[in-house]
PDB file of all heavy atoms in Angstrom:
ATOM      1  N   PRO A   1       0.175 -39.864  19.117  1.00  0.00           N
ATOM      2  CA  PRO A   1      -1.050 -39.856  19.931  1.00  0.00           C
ATOM      3  C   PRO A   1      -1.313 -41.121  20.692  1.00  0.00           C
ATOM      4  O   PRO A   1      -0.695 -42.164  20.453  1.00  0.00           O
ATOM      5  CB  PRO A   1      -2.156 -39.659  18.872  1.00  0.00           C
ATOM      6  CG  PRO A   1      -1.590 -40.351  17.641  1.00  0.00           C
ATOM      7  CD  PRO A   1      -0.114 -40.012  17.689  1.00  0.00           C
ATOM      8  N   PHE A   2      -2.164 -40.986  21.691  1.00  0.00           N
ATOM      9  CA  PHE A   2      -2.680 -42.166  22.409  1.00  0.00           C
ATOM     10  C   PHE A   2      -3.758 -42.787  21.508  1.00  0.00           C
ATOM     11  O   PHE A   2      -4.534 -42.074  20.894  1.00  0.00           O
ATOM     12  CB  PHE A   2      -3.313 -41.708  23.729  1.00  0.00           C
ATOM     13  CG  PHE A   2      -2.367 -40.960  24.608  1.00  0.00           C
ATOM     14  CD1 PHE A   2      -2.622 -39.635  24.937  1.00  0.00           C
ATOM     15  CD2 PHE A   2      -1.234 -41.551  25.127  1.00  0.00           C
ATOM     16  CE1 PHE A   2      -1.787 -38.940  25.729  1.00  0.00           C
ATOM     17  CE2 PHE A   2      -0.342 -40.810  25.943  1.00  0.00           C
ATOM     18  CZ  PHE A   2      -0.643 -39.523  26.274  1.00  0.00           C
ATOM     19  N   ILE A   3      -3.816 -44.099  21.510  1.00  0.00           N
ATOM     20  CA  ILE A   3      -4.771 -44.809  20.632  1.00  0.00           C
ATOM     21  C   ILE A   3      -5.799 -45.531  21.486  1.00  0.00           C
ATOM     22  O   ILE A   3      -5.431 -46.242  22.427  1.00  0.00           O
ATOM     23  CB  ILE A   3      -3.992 -45.866  19.782  1.00  0.00           C
ATOM     24  CG1 ILE A   3      -2.802 -45.261  19.011  1.00  0.00           C
ATOM     25  CG2 ILE A   3      -4.962 -46.616  18.820  1.00  0.00           C
ATOM     26  CD1 ILE A   3      -3.130 -44.171  18.013  1.00  0.00           C
ATOM     27  N   ALA A   4      -7.051 -45.295  21.193  1.00  0.00           N
ATOM     28  CA  ALA A   4      -8.134 -46.023  21.869  1.00  0.00           C
ATOM     29  C   ALA A   4      -8.575 -47.144  21.013  1.00  0.00           C
ATOM     30  O   ALA A   4      -8.835 -46.964  19.824  1.00  0.00           O
ATOM     31  CB  ALA A   4      -9.312 -45.076  22.169  1.00  0.00           C
ATOM     32  N   GLU A   5      -8.681 -48.339  21.597  1.00  0.00           N
ATOM     33  CA  GLU A   5      -9.130 -49.519  20.889  1.00  0.00           C
ATOM     34  C   GLU A   5     -10.226 -50.243  21.624  1.00  0.00           C
ATOM     35  O   GLU A   5     -10.254 -50.260  22.849  1.00  0.00           O
ATOM     36  CB  GLU A   5      -7.966 -50.534  20.733  1.00  0.00           C
ATOM     37  CG  GLU A   5      -6.854 -50.109  19.794  1.00  0.00           C
ATOM     38  CD  GLU A   5      -5.794 -51.189  19.631  1.00  0.00           C
ATOM     39  OE1 GLU A   5      -5.542 -51.957  20.617  1.00  0.00           O
ATOM     40  OE2 GLU A   5      -5.216 -51.252  18.540  1.00  0.00           O
ATOM     41  N   ILE A   6     -11.069 -50.859  20.841  1.00  0.00           N
ATOM     42  CA  ILE A   6     -12.105 -51.786  21.380  1.00  0.00           C
ATOM     43  C   ILE A   6     -11.924 -53.055  20.550  1.00  0.00           C
ATOM     44  O   ILE A   6     -12.049 -53.040  19.361  1.00  0.00           O
ATOM     45  CB  ILE A   6     -13.552 -51.250  21.260  1.00  0.00           C
ATOM     46  CG1 ILE A   6     -13.772 -49.996  22.064  1.00  0.00           C
ATOM     47  CG2 ILE A   6     -14.560 -52.349  21.638  1.00  0.00           C
ATOM     48  CD1 ILE A   6     -15.116 -49.365  21.899  1.00  0.00           C
ATOM     49  N   ASN A   7     -11.624 -54.177  21.278  1.00  0.00           N
ATOM     50  CA  ASN A   7     -11.417 -55.453  20.594  1.00  0.00           C
ATOM     51  C   ASN A   7     -10.389 -55.370  19.461  1.00  0.00           C
ATOM     52  O   ASN A   7     -10.626 -55.907  18.398  1.00  0.00           O
ATOM     53  CB  ASN A   7     -12.712 -56.022  20.098  1.00  0.00           C
ATOM     54  CG  ASN A   7     -13.716 -56.303  21.226  1.00  0.00           C
ATOM     55  OD1 ASN A   7     -13.311 -56.698  22.317  1.00  0.00           O
ATOM     56  ND2 ASN A   7     -14.993 -56.131  20.938  1.00  0.00           N
ATOM     57  N   GLY A   8      -9.358 -54.576  19.667  1.00  0.00           N
ATOM     58  CA  GLY A   8      -8.307 -54.452  18.687  1.00  0.00           C
ATOM     59  C   GLY A   8      -8.572 -53.488  17.573  1.00  0.00           C
ATOM     60  O   GLY A   8      -7.731 -53.226  16.719  1.00  0.00           O
ATOM     61  N   GLU A   9      -9.774 -52.877  17.516  1.00  0.00           N
ATOM     62  CA  GLU A   9     -10.128 -51.898  16.492  1.00  0.00           C
ATOM     63  C   GLU A   9      -9.832 -50.473  17.010  1.00  0.00           C
ATOM     64  O   GLU A   9     -10.238 -50.148  18.136  1.00  0.00           O
ATOM     65  CB  GLU A   9     -11.631 -51.998  16.147  1.00  0.00           C
ATOM     66  CG  GLU A   9     -12.035 -50.942  15.142  1.00  0.00           C
ATOM     67  CD  GLU A   9     -13.578 -50.881  14.943  1.00  0.00           C
ATOM     68  OE1 GLU A   9     -14.308 -51.631  15.570  1.00  0.00           O
ATOM     69  OE2 GLU A   9     -14.023 -49.987  14.143  1.00  0.00           O
ATOM     70  N   ILE A  10      -9.168 -49.668  16.192  1.00  0.00           N
ATOM     71  CA  ILE A  10      -8.910 -48.287  16.589  1.00  0.00           C
ATOM     72  C   ILE A  10     -10.202 -47.525  16.513  1.00  0.00           C
ATOM     73  O   ILE A  10     -10.869 -47.475  15.473  1.00  0.00           O
ATOM     74  CB  ILE A  10      -7.816 -47.642  15.714  1.00  0.00           C
ATOM     75  CG1 ILE A  10      -6.501 -48.365  15.840  1.00  0.00           C
ATOM     76  CG2 ILE A  10      -7.703 -46.170  16.029  1.00  0.00           C
ATOM     77  CD1 ILE A  10      -5.412 -47.882  14.948  1.00  0.00           C
ATOM     78  N   VAL A  11     -10.608 -46.912  17.678  1.00  0.00           N
ATOM     79  CA  VAL A  11     -11.876 -46.231  17.744  1.00  0.00           C
ATOM     80  C   VAL A  11     -11.723 -44.778  18.150  1.00  0.00           C
ATOM     81  O   VAL A  11     -12.687 -44.034  18.230  1.00  0.00           O
ATOM     82  CB  VAL A  11     -12.886 -46.909  18.721  1.00  0.00           C
ATOM     83  CG1 VAL A  11     -13.276 -48.282  18.162  1.00  0.00           C
ATOM     84  CG2 VAL A  11     -12.281 -47.034  20.093  1.00  0.00           C
ATOM     85  N   GLY A  12     -10.471 -44.349  18.345  1.00  0.00           N
ATOM     86  CA  GLY A  12     -10.224 -42.965  18.679  1.00  0.00           C
ATOM     87  C   GLY A  12      -8.724 -42.710  18.873  1.00  0.00           C
ATOM     88  O   GLY A  12      -7.975 -43.634  19.039  1.00  0.00           O
ATOM     89  N   PHE A  13      -8.386 -41.408  18.839  1.00  0.00           N
ATOM     90  CA  PHE A  13      -7.001 -41.043  19.132  1.00  0.00           C
ATOM     91  C   PHE A  13      -6.942 -39.626  19.585  1.00  0.00           C
ATOM     92  O   PHE A  13      -7.785 -38.793  19.226  1.00  0.00           O
ATOM     93  CB  PHE A  13      -6.038 -41.345  17.977  1.00  0.00           C
ATOM     94  CG  PHE A  13      -6.206 -40.396  16.789  1.00  0.00           C
ATOM     95  CD1 PHE A  13      -5.343 -39.341  16.593  1.00  0.00           C
ATOM     96  CD2 PHE A  13      -7.196 -40.622  15.832  1.00  0.00           C
ATOM     97  CE1 PHE A  13      -5.495 -38.462  15.482  1.00  0.00           C
ATOM     98  CE2 PHE A  13      -7.351 -39.820  14.706  1.00  0.00           C
ATOM     99  CZ  PHE A  13      -6.471 -38.742  14.538  1.00  0.00           C
ATOM    100  N   ALA A  14      -5.952 -39.335  20.417  1.00  0.00           N
ATOM    101  CA  ALA A  14      -5.747 -37.976  20.928  1.00  0.00           C
ATOM    102  C   ALA A  14      -4.291 -37.867  21.348  1.00  0.00           C
ATOM    103  O   ALA A  14      -3.643 -38.819  21.791  1.00  0.00           O
ATOM    104  CB  ALA A  14      -6.622 -37.663  22.126  1.00  0.00           C
ATOM    105  N   ASP A  15      -3.747 -36.660  21.191  1.00  0.00           N
ATOM    106  CA  ASP A  15      -2.346 -36.452  21.571  1.00  0.00           C
ATOM    107  C   ASP A  15      -2.248 -35.429  22.705  1.00  0.00           C
ATOM    108  O   ASP A  15      -3.158 -34.672  22.970  1.00  0.00           O
ATOM    109  CB  ASP A  15      -1.501 -36.041  20.407  1.00  0.00           C
ATOM    110  CG  ASP A  15      -1.869 -34.619  19.916  1.00  0.00           C
ATOM    111  OD1 ASP A  15      -3.007 -34.459  19.423  1.00  0.00           O
ATOM    112  OD2 ASP A  15      -1.065 -33.700  20.086  1.00  0.00           O
ATOM    113  N   LEU A  16      -1.102 -35.449  23.340  1.00  0.00           N
ATOM    114  CA  LEU A  16      -0.767 -34.437  24.353  1.00  0.00           C
ATOM    115  C   LEU A  16       0.689 -34.046  24.148  1.00  0.00           C
ATOM    116  O   LEU A  16       1.565 -34.897  24.287  1.00  0.00           O
ATOM    117  CB  LEU A  16      -0.988 -34.952  25.769  1.00  0.00           C
ATOM    118  CG  LEU A  16      -0.576 -34.047  26.914  1.00  0.00           C
ATOM    119  CD1 LEU A  16      -1.357 -32.739  26.881  1.00  0.00           C
ATOM    120  CD2 LEU A  16      -0.724 -34.774  28.236  1.00  0.00           C
ATOM    121  N   GLN A  17       0.878 -32.794  23.775  1.00  0.00           N
ATOM    122  CA  GLN A  17       2.256 -32.345  23.511  1.00  0.00           C
ATOM    123  C   GLN A  17       2.868 -31.902  24.842  1.00  0.00           C
ATOM    124  O   GLN A  17       2.190 -31.675  25.836  1.00  0.00           O
ATOM    125  CB  GLN A  17       2.258 -31.218  22.499  1.00  0.00           C
ATOM    126  CG  GLN A  17       1.638 -31.608  21.127  1.00  0.00           C
ATOM    127  CD  GLN A  17       2.295 -32.853  20.597  1.00  0.00           C
ATOM    128  OE1 GLN A  17       3.499 -32.931  20.425  1.00  0.00           O
ATOM    129  NE2 GLN A  17       1.504 -33.864  20.241  1.00  0.00           N
ATOM    130  N   ALA A  18       4.199 -31.748  24.858  1.00  0.00           N
ATOM    131  CA  ALA A  18       4.953 -31.437  26.080  1.00  0.00           C
ATOM    132  C   ALA A  18       4.510 -30.147  26.757  1.00  0.00           C
ATOM    133  O   ALA A  18       4.580 -30.029  27.984  1.00  0.00           O
ATOM    134  CB  ALA A  18       6.436 -31.414  25.773  1.00  0.00           C
ATOM    135  N   ASP A  19       4.014 -29.207  25.967  1.00  0.00           N
ATOM    136  CA  ASP A  19       3.552 -27.916  26.521  1.00  0.00           C
ATOM    137  C   ASP A  19       2.075 -27.926  26.966  1.00  0.00           C
ATOM    138  O   ASP A  19       1.575 -26.895  27.319  1.00  0.00           O
ATOM    139  CB  ASP A  19       3.831 -26.777  25.574  1.00  0.00           C
ATOM    140  CG  ASP A  19       2.995 -26.819  24.288  1.00  0.00           C
ATOM    141  OD1 ASP A  19       2.299 -27.878  24.058  1.00  0.00           O
ATOM    142  OD2 ASP A  19       2.996 -25.838  23.521  1.00  0.00           O
ATOM    143  N   GLY A  20       1.405 -29.054  26.830  1.00  0.00           N
ATOM    144  CA  GLY A  20       0.033 -29.174  27.202  1.00  0.00           C
ATOM    145  C   GLY A  20      -0.964 -29.023  26.060  1.00  0.00           C
ATOM    146  O   GLY A  20      -2.167 -29.083  26.282  1.00  0.00           O
ATOM    147  N   TYR A  21      -0.450 -28.830  24.865  1.00  0.00           N
ATOM    148  CA  TYR A  21      -1.304 -28.650  23.680  1.00  0.00           C
ATOM    149  C   TYR A  21      -1.871 -29.994  23.196  1.00  0.00           C
ATOM    150  O   TYR A  21      -1.137 -30.984  23.094  1.00  0.00           O
ATOM    151  CB  TYR A  21      -0.534 -28.004  22.547  1.00  0.00           C
ATOM    152  CG  TYR A  21      -1.376 -27.749  21.293  1.00  0.00           C
ATOM    153  CD1 TYR A  21      -2.477 -26.929  21.358  1.00  0.00           C
ATOM    154  CD2 TYR A  21      -1.004 -28.303  20.080  1.00  0.00           C
ATOM    155  CE1 TYR A  21      -3.229 -26.687  20.226  1.00  0.00           C
ATOM    156  CE2 TYR A  21      -1.730 -28.056  18.932  1.00  0.00           C
ATOM    157  CZ  TYR A  21      -2.872 -27.236  19.007  1.00  0.00           C
ATOM    158  OH  TYR A  21      -3.596 -27.010  17.892  1.00  0.00           O
ATOM    159  N   ILE A  22      -3.169 -30.068  23.003  1.00  0.00           N
ATOM    160  CA  ILE A  22      -3.845 -31.172  22.413  1.00  0.00           C
ATOM    161  C   ILE A  22      -4.142 -30.818  20.941  1.00  0.00           C
ATOM    162  O   ILE A  22      -4.995 -29.989  20.647  1.00  0.00           O
ATOM    163  CB  ILE A  22      -5.173 -31.503  23.135  1.00  0.00           C
ATOM    164  CG1 ILE A  22      -4.890 -31.817  24.596  1.00  0.00           C
ATOM    165  CG2 ILE A  22      -5.910 -32.646  22.440  1.00  0.00           C
ATOM    166  CD1 ILE A  22      -6.192 -31.838  25.467  1.00  0.00           C
ATOM    167  N   ASP A  23      -3.366 -31.431  20.011  1.00  0.00           N
ATOM    168  CA  ASP A  23      -3.471 -31.102  18.631  1.00  0.00           C
ATOM    169  C   ASP A  23      -4.625 -31.821  17.923  1.00  0.00           C
ATOM    170  O   ASP A  23      -5.344 -31.281  17.115  1.00  0.00           O
ATOM    171  CB  ASP A  23      -2.168 -31.373  17.923  1.00  0.00           C
ATOM    172  CG  ASP A  23      -2.146 -30.881  16.476  1.00  0.00           C
ATOM    173  OD1 ASP A  23      -2.904 -29.986  16.129  1.00  0.00           O
ATOM    174  OD2 ASP A  23      -1.305 -31.421  15.694  1.00  0.00           O
ATOM    175  N   HIS A  24      -4.754 -33.114  18.255  1.00  0.00           N
ATOM    176  CA  HIS A  24      -5.824 -33.938  17.681  1.00  0.00           C
ATOM    177  C   HIS A  24      -6.612 -34.658  18.818  1.00  0.00           C
ATOM    178  O   HIS A  24      -6.000 -35.111  19.753  1.00  0.00           O
ATOM    179  CB  HIS A  24      -5.197 -35.007  16.787  1.00  0.00           C
ATOM    180  CG  HIS A  24      -4.796 -34.504  15.407  1.00  0.00           C
ATOM    181  ND1 HIS A  24      -3.738 -33.711  15.205  1.00  0.00           N
ATOM    182  CD2 HIS A  24      -5.350 -34.763  14.203  1.00  0.00           C
ATOM    183  CE1 HIS A  24      -3.647 -33.443  13.927  1.00  0.00           C
ATOM    184  NE2 HIS A  24      -4.624 -34.053  13.294  1.00  0.00           N
ATOM    185  N   PHE A  25      -7.919 -34.737  18.596  1.00  0.00           N
ATOM    186  CA  PHE A  25      -8.769 -35.508  19.479  1.00  0.00           C
ATOM    187  C   PHE A  25      -9.968 -35.939  18.648  1.00  0.00           C
ATOM    188  O   PHE A  25     -10.849 -35.152  18.355  1.00  0.00           O
ATOM    189  CB  PHE A  25      -9.266 -34.606  20.642  1.00  0.00           C
ATOM    190  CG  PHE A  25      -9.768 -35.411  21.816  1.00  0.00           C
ATOM    191  CD1 PHE A  25      -9.097 -35.397  23.033  1.00  0.00           C
ATOM    192  CD2 PHE A  25     -10.927 -36.188  21.708  1.00  0.00           C
ATOM    193  CE1 PHE A  25      -9.592 -36.139  24.120  1.00  0.00           C
ATOM    194  CE2 PHE A  25     -11.387 -36.959  22.759  1.00  0.00           C
ATOM    195  CZ  PHE A  25     -10.716 -36.884  24.000  1.00  0.00           C
ATOM    196  N   PHE A  26      -9.963 -37.244  18.235  1.00  0.00           N
ATOM    197  CA  PHE A  26     -11.010 -37.739  17.361  1.00  0.00           C
ATOM    198  C   PHE A  26     -11.523 -39.082  17.854  1.00  0.00           C
ATOM    199  O   PHE A  26     -10.739 -39.951  18.234  1.00  0.00           O
ATOM    200  CB  PHE A  26     -10.504 -37.923  15.913  1.00  0.00           C
ATOM    201  CG  PHE A  26     -10.328 -36.618  15.200  1.00  0.00           C
ATOM    202  CD1 PHE A  26      -9.104 -35.939  15.185  1.00  0.00           C
ATOM    203  CD2 PHE A  26     -11.390 -36.026  14.532  1.00  0.00           C
ATOM    204  CE1 PHE A  26      -8.947 -34.757  14.534  1.00  0.00           C
ATOM    205  CE2 PHE A  26     -11.232 -34.822  13.871  1.00  0.00           C
ATOM    206  CZ  PHE A  26     -10.021 -34.194  13.866  1.00  0.00           C
ATOM    207  N   CYS A  27     -12.841 -39.242  17.822  1.00  0.00           N
ATOM    208  CA  CYS A  27     -13.497 -40.525  18.123  1.00  0.00           C
ATOM    209  C   CYS A  27     -14.170 -40.985  16.888  1.00  0.00           C
ATOM    210  O   CYS A  27     -14.796 -40.187  16.153  1.00  0.00           O
ATOM    211  CB  CYS A  27     -14.527 -40.342  19.255  1.00  0.00           C
ATOM    212  SG  CYS A  27     -13.812 -39.820  20.808  1.00  0.00           S
ATOM    213  N   HIS A  28     -14.049 -42.277  16.619  1.00  0.00           N
ATOM    214  CA  HIS A  28     -14.631 -42.906  15.477  1.00  0.00           C
ATOM    215  C   HIS A  28     -16.118 -42.527  15.323  1.00  0.00           C
ATOM    216  O   HIS A  28     -16.872 -42.498  16.314  1.00  0.00           O
ATOM    217  CB  HIS A  28     -14.479 -44.422  15.585  1.00  0.00           C
ATOM    218  CG  HIS A  28     -14.743 -45.177  14.347  1.00  0.00           C
ATOM    219  ND1 HIS A  28     -16.001 -45.319  13.809  1.00  0.00           N
ATOM    220  CD2 HIS A  28     -13.885 -45.884  13.547  1.00  0.00           C
ATOM    221  CE1 HIS A  28     -15.921 -46.077  12.714  1.00  0.00           C
ATOM    222  NE2 HIS A  28     -14.684 -46.433  12.552  1.00  0.00           N
ATOM    223  N   ALA A  29     -16.586 -42.217  14.115  1.00  0.00           N
ATOM    224  CA  ALA A  29     -17.950 -41.793  13.843  1.00  0.00           C
ATOM    225  C   ALA A  29     -18.963 -42.816  14.378  1.00  0.00           C
ATOM    226  O   ALA A  29     -20.065 -42.435  14.843  1.00  0.00           O
ATOM    227  CB  ALA A  29     -18.132 -41.542  12.374  1.00  0.00           C
ATOM    228  N   GLU A  30     -18.643 -44.106  14.324  1.00  0.00           N
ATOM    229  CA  GLU A  30     -19.557 -45.159  14.782  1.00  0.00           C
ATOM    230  C   GLU A  30     -19.412 -45.508  16.250  1.00  0.00           C
ATOM    231  O   GLU A  30     -20.121 -46.393  16.749  1.00  0.00           O
ATOM    232  CB  GLU A  30     -19.396 -46.398  13.886  1.00  0.00           C
ATOM    233  CG  GLU A  30     -19.781 -46.158  12.448  1.00  0.00           C
ATOM    234  CD  GLU A  30     -19.483 -47.342  11.558  1.00  0.00           C
ATOM    235  OE1 GLU A  30     -19.200 -48.431  12.040  1.00  0.00           O
ATOM    236  OE2 GLU A  30     -19.534 -47.137  10.320  1.00  0.00           O
ATOM    237  N   HIS A  31     -18.559 -44.805  16.952  1.00  0.00           N
ATOM    238  CA  HIS A  31     -18.357 -45.070  18.390  1.00  0.00           C
ATOM    239  C   HIS A  31     -18.551 -43.811  19.224  1.00  0.00           C
ATOM    240  O   HIS A  31     -17.962 -43.732  20.303  1.00  0.00           O
ATOM    241  CB  HIS A  31     -16.956 -45.676  18.589  1.00  0.00           C
ATOM    242  CG  HIS A  31     -16.834 -47.069  18.014  1.00  0.00           C
ATOM    243  ND1 HIS A  31     -17.277 -48.196  18.662  1.00  0.00           N
ATOM    244  CD2 HIS A  31     -16.355 -47.511  16.838  1.00  0.00           C
ATOM    245  CE1 HIS A  31     -17.044 -49.255  17.897  1.00  0.00           C
ATOM    246  NE2 HIS A  31     -16.528 -48.828  16.781  1.00  0.00           N
ATOM    247  N   GLN A  32     -19.313 -42.864  18.708  1.00  0.00           N
ATOM    248  CA  GLN A  32     -19.567 -41.645  19.449  1.00  0.00           C
ATOM    249  C   GLN A  32     -20.509 -41.992  20.626  1.00  0.00           C
ATOM    250  O   GLN A  32     -21.416 -42.836  20.509  1.00  0.00           O
ATOM    251  CB  GLN A  32     -20.277 -40.634  18.550  1.00  0.00           C
ATOM    252  CG  GLN A  32     -19.482 -40.208  17.336  1.00  0.00           C
ATOM    253  CD  GLN A  32     -18.477 -39.092  17.605  1.00  0.00           C
ATOM    254  OE1 GLN A  32     -18.807 -38.135  18.265  1.00  0.00           O
ATOM    255  NE2 GLN A  32     -17.262 -39.244  17.068  1.00  0.00           N
ATOM    256  N   GLY A  33     -20.294 -41.355  21.806  1.00  0.00           N
ATOM    257  CA  GLY A  33     -21.169 -41.552  22.931  1.00  0.00           C
ATOM    258  C   GLY A  33     -21.010 -42.939  23.608  1.00  0.00           C
ATOM    259  O   GLY A  33     -21.892 -43.319  24.362  1.00  0.00           O
ATOM    260  N   GLN A  34     -19.885 -43.586  23.362  1.00  0.00           N
ATOM    261  CA  GLN A  34     -19.666 -44.891  23.971  1.00  0.00           C
ATOM    262  C   GLN A  34     -18.520 -44.933  24.987  1.00  0.00           C
ATOM    263  O   GLN A  34     -18.058 -45.964  25.411  1.00  0.00           O
ATOM    264  CB  GLN A  34     -19.381 -45.943  22.875  1.00  0.00           C
ATOM    265  CG  GLN A  34     -20.531 -46.149  21.928  1.00  0.00           C
ATOM    266  CD  GLN A  34     -20.232 -47.157  20.817  1.00  0.00           C
ATOM    267  OE1 GLN A  34     -19.156 -47.810  20.823  1.00  0.00           O
ATOM    268  NE2 GLN A  34     -21.127 -47.257  19.865  1.00  0.00           N
ATOM    269  N   GLY A  35     -18.070 -43.731  25.403  1.00  0.00           N
ATOM    270  CA  GLY A  35     -17.021 -43.635  26.400  1.00  0.00           C
ATOM    271  C   GLY A  35     -15.612 -43.530  25.855  1.00  0.00           C
ATOM    272  O   GLY A  35     -14.652 -43.449  26.634  1.00  0.00           O
ATOM    273  N   VAL A  36     -15.481 -43.572  24.510  1.00  0.00           N
ATOM    274  CA  VAL A  36     -14.128 -43.448  23.899  1.00  0.00           C
ATOM    275  C   VAL A  36     -13.487 -42.119  24.262  1.00  0.00           C
ATOM    276  O   VAL A  36     -12.316 -42.075  24.731  1.00  0.00           O
ATOM    277  CB  VAL A  36     -14.215 -43.677  22.387  1.00  0.00           C
ATOM    278  CG1 VAL A  36     -12.846 -43.459  21.755  1.00  0.00           C
ATOM    279  CG2 VAL A  36     -14.755 -45.037  22.073  1.00  0.00           C
ATOM    280  N   GLY A  37     -14.198 -41.017  24.075  1.00  0.00           N
ATOM    281  CA  GLY A  37     -13.672 -39.720  24.321  1.00  0.00           C
ATOM    282  C   GLY A  37     -13.323 -39.559  25.796  1.00  0.00           C
ATOM    283  O   GLY A  37     -12.280 -38.990  26.187  1.00  0.00           O
ATOM    284  N   LYS A  38     -14.184 -40.064  26.676  1.00  0.00           N
ATOM    285  CA  LYS A  38     -13.931 -39.965  28.117  1.00  0.00           C
ATOM    286  C   LYS A  38     -12.655 -40.740  28.506  1.00  0.00           C
ATOM    287  O   LYS A  38     -11.813 -40.275  29.239  1.00  0.00           O
ATOM    288  CB  LYS A  38     -15.101 -40.536  28.908  1.00  0.00           C
ATOM    289  CG  LYS A  38     -14.863 -40.466  30.407  1.00  0.00           C
ATOM    290  CD  LYS A  38     -16.013 -41.127  31.198  1.00  0.00           C
ATOM    291  CE  LYS A  38     -15.838 -41.056  32.678  1.00  0.00           C
ATOM    292  NZ  LYS A  38     -14.497 -41.128  33.228  1.00  0.00           N
ATOM    293  N   ALA A  39     -12.485 -41.962  27.921  1.00  0.00           N
ATOM    294  CA  ALA A  39     -11.298 -42.739  28.181  1.00  0.00           C
ATOM    295  C   ALA A  39     -10.036 -41.998  27.718  1.00  0.00           C
ATOM    296  O   ALA A  39      -9.032 -41.938  28.422  1.00  0.00           O
ATOM    297  CB  ALA A  39     -11.381 -44.094  27.505  1.00  0.00           C
ATOM    298  N   LEU A  40     -10.100 -41.377  26.560  1.00  0.00           N
ATOM    299  CA  LEU A  40      -8.943 -40.613  26.035  1.00  0.00           C
ATOM    300  C   LEU A  40      -8.676 -39.381  26.882  1.00  0.00           C
ATOM    301  O   LEU A  40      -7.520 -39.108  27.246  1.00  0.00           O
ATOM    302  CB  LEU A  40      -9.156 -40.191  24.556  1.00  0.00           C
ATOM    303  CG  LEU A  40      -8.996 -41.298  23.560  1.00  0.00           C
ATOM    304  CD1 LEU A  40      -9.546 -40.897  22.185  1.00  0.00           C
ATOM    305  CD2 LEU A  40      -7.511 -41.711  23.416  1.00  0.00           C
ATOM    306  N   MET A  41      -9.726 -38.647  27.260  1.00  0.00           N
ATOM    307  CA  MET A  41      -9.572 -37.437  28.099  1.00  0.00           C
ATOM    308  C   MET A  41      -8.989 -37.801  29.438  1.00  0.00           C
ATOM    309  O   MET A  41      -8.086 -37.135  29.985  1.00  0.00           O
ATOM    310  CB  MET A  41     -10.855 -36.643  28.224  1.00  0.00           C
ATOM    311  CG  MET A  41     -10.658 -35.269  28.816  1.00  0.00           C
ATOM    312  SD  MET A  41      -9.620 -34.127  27.834  1.00  0.00           S
ATOM    313  CE  MET A  41     -10.831 -33.561  26.603  1.00  0.00           C
ATOM    314  N   ASP A  42      -9.495 -38.849  30.053  1.00  0.00           N
ATOM    315  CA  ASP A  42      -8.987 -39.312  31.356  1.00  0.00           C
ATOM    316  C   ASP A  42      -7.509 -39.628  31.249  1.00  0.00           C
ATOM    317  O   ASP A  42      -6.702 -39.339  32.112  1.00  0.00           O
ATOM    318  CB  ASP A  42      -9.751 -40.528  31.881  1.00  0.00           C
ATOM    319  CG  ASP A  42     -11.170 -40.166  32.380  1.00  0.00           C
ATOM    320  OD1 ASP A  42     -11.469 -38.988  32.518  1.00  0.00           O
ATOM    321  OD2 ASP A  42     -11.969 -41.138  32.570  1.00  0.00           O
ATOM    322  N   HIS A  43      -7.150 -40.307  30.130  1.00  0.00           N
ATOM    323  CA  HIS A  43      -5.740 -40.658  29.888  1.00  0.00           C
ATOM    324  C   HIS A  43      -4.902 -39.408  29.746  1.00  0.00           C
ATOM    325  O   HIS A  43      -3.770 -39.359  30.300  1.00  0.00           O
ATOM    326  CB  HIS A  43      -5.629 -41.572  28.693  1.00  0.00           C
ATOM    327  CG  HIS A  43      -4.305 -42.224  28.548  1.00  0.00           C
ATOM    328  ND1 HIS A  43      -3.960 -43.334  29.258  1.00  0.00           N
ATOM    329  CD2 HIS A  43      -3.217 -41.921  27.851  1.00  0.00           C
ATOM    330  CE1 HIS A  43      -2.725 -43.703  28.958  1.00  0.00           C
ATOM    331  NE2 HIS A  43      -2.225 -42.838  28.108  1.00  0.00           N
ATOM    332  N   ILE A  44      -5.384 -38.418  29.029  1.00  0.00           N
ATOM    333  CA  ILE A  44      -4.661 -37.161  28.872  1.00  0.00           C
ATOM    334  C   ILE A  44      -4.445 -36.465  30.206  1.00  0.00           C
ATOM    335  O   ILE A  44      -3.384 -35.994  30.512  1.00  0.00           O
ATOM    336  CB  ILE A  44      -5.359 -36.251  27.872  1.00  0.00           C
ATOM    337  CG1 ILE A  44      -5.148 -36.768  26.400  1.00  0.00           C
ATOM    338  CG2 ILE A  44      -4.925 -34.804  27.976  1.00  0.00           C
ATOM    339  CD1 ILE A  44      -5.896 -36.040  25.344  1.00  0.00           C
ATOM    340  N   PHE A  45      -5.525 -36.408  31.012  1.00  0.00           N
ATOM    341  CA  PHE A  45      -5.376 -35.800  32.330  1.00  0.00           C
ATOM    342  C   PHE A  45      -4.331 -36.518  33.179  1.00  0.00           C
ATOM    343  O   PHE A  45      -3.452 -35.892  33.778  1.00  0.00           O
ATOM    344  CB  PHE A  45      -6.705 -35.837  33.090  1.00  0.00           C
ATOM    345  CG  PHE A  45      -7.750 -34.817  32.623  1.00  0.00           C
ATOM    346  CD1 PHE A  45      -9.063 -34.966  33.007  1.00  0.00           C
ATOM    347  CD2 PHE A  45      -7.445 -33.802  31.826  1.00  0.00           C
ATOM    348  CE1 PHE A  45     -10.038 -34.076  32.596  1.00  0.00           C
ATOM    349  CE2 PHE A  45      -8.397 -32.874  31.396  1.00  0.00           C
ATOM    350  CZ  PHE A  45      -9.687 -32.987  31.780  1.00  0.00           C
TER     351      PHE A  45
END
C-alpha cells in the first residue's frame, strides 16, 4: 500500500492493485477529517 505520514507518523494507508481494485483504505482514528483520506485518494487517482 501507499503510506500516508504526518511528521513521520503513519496516519493512513491505501493500496491500488494492477486491475484497479482498492483492497484497503484506512485513515488513523485520530486523524479523521484532516485530509489524510483525500491525499491517499488523490495519490490513487
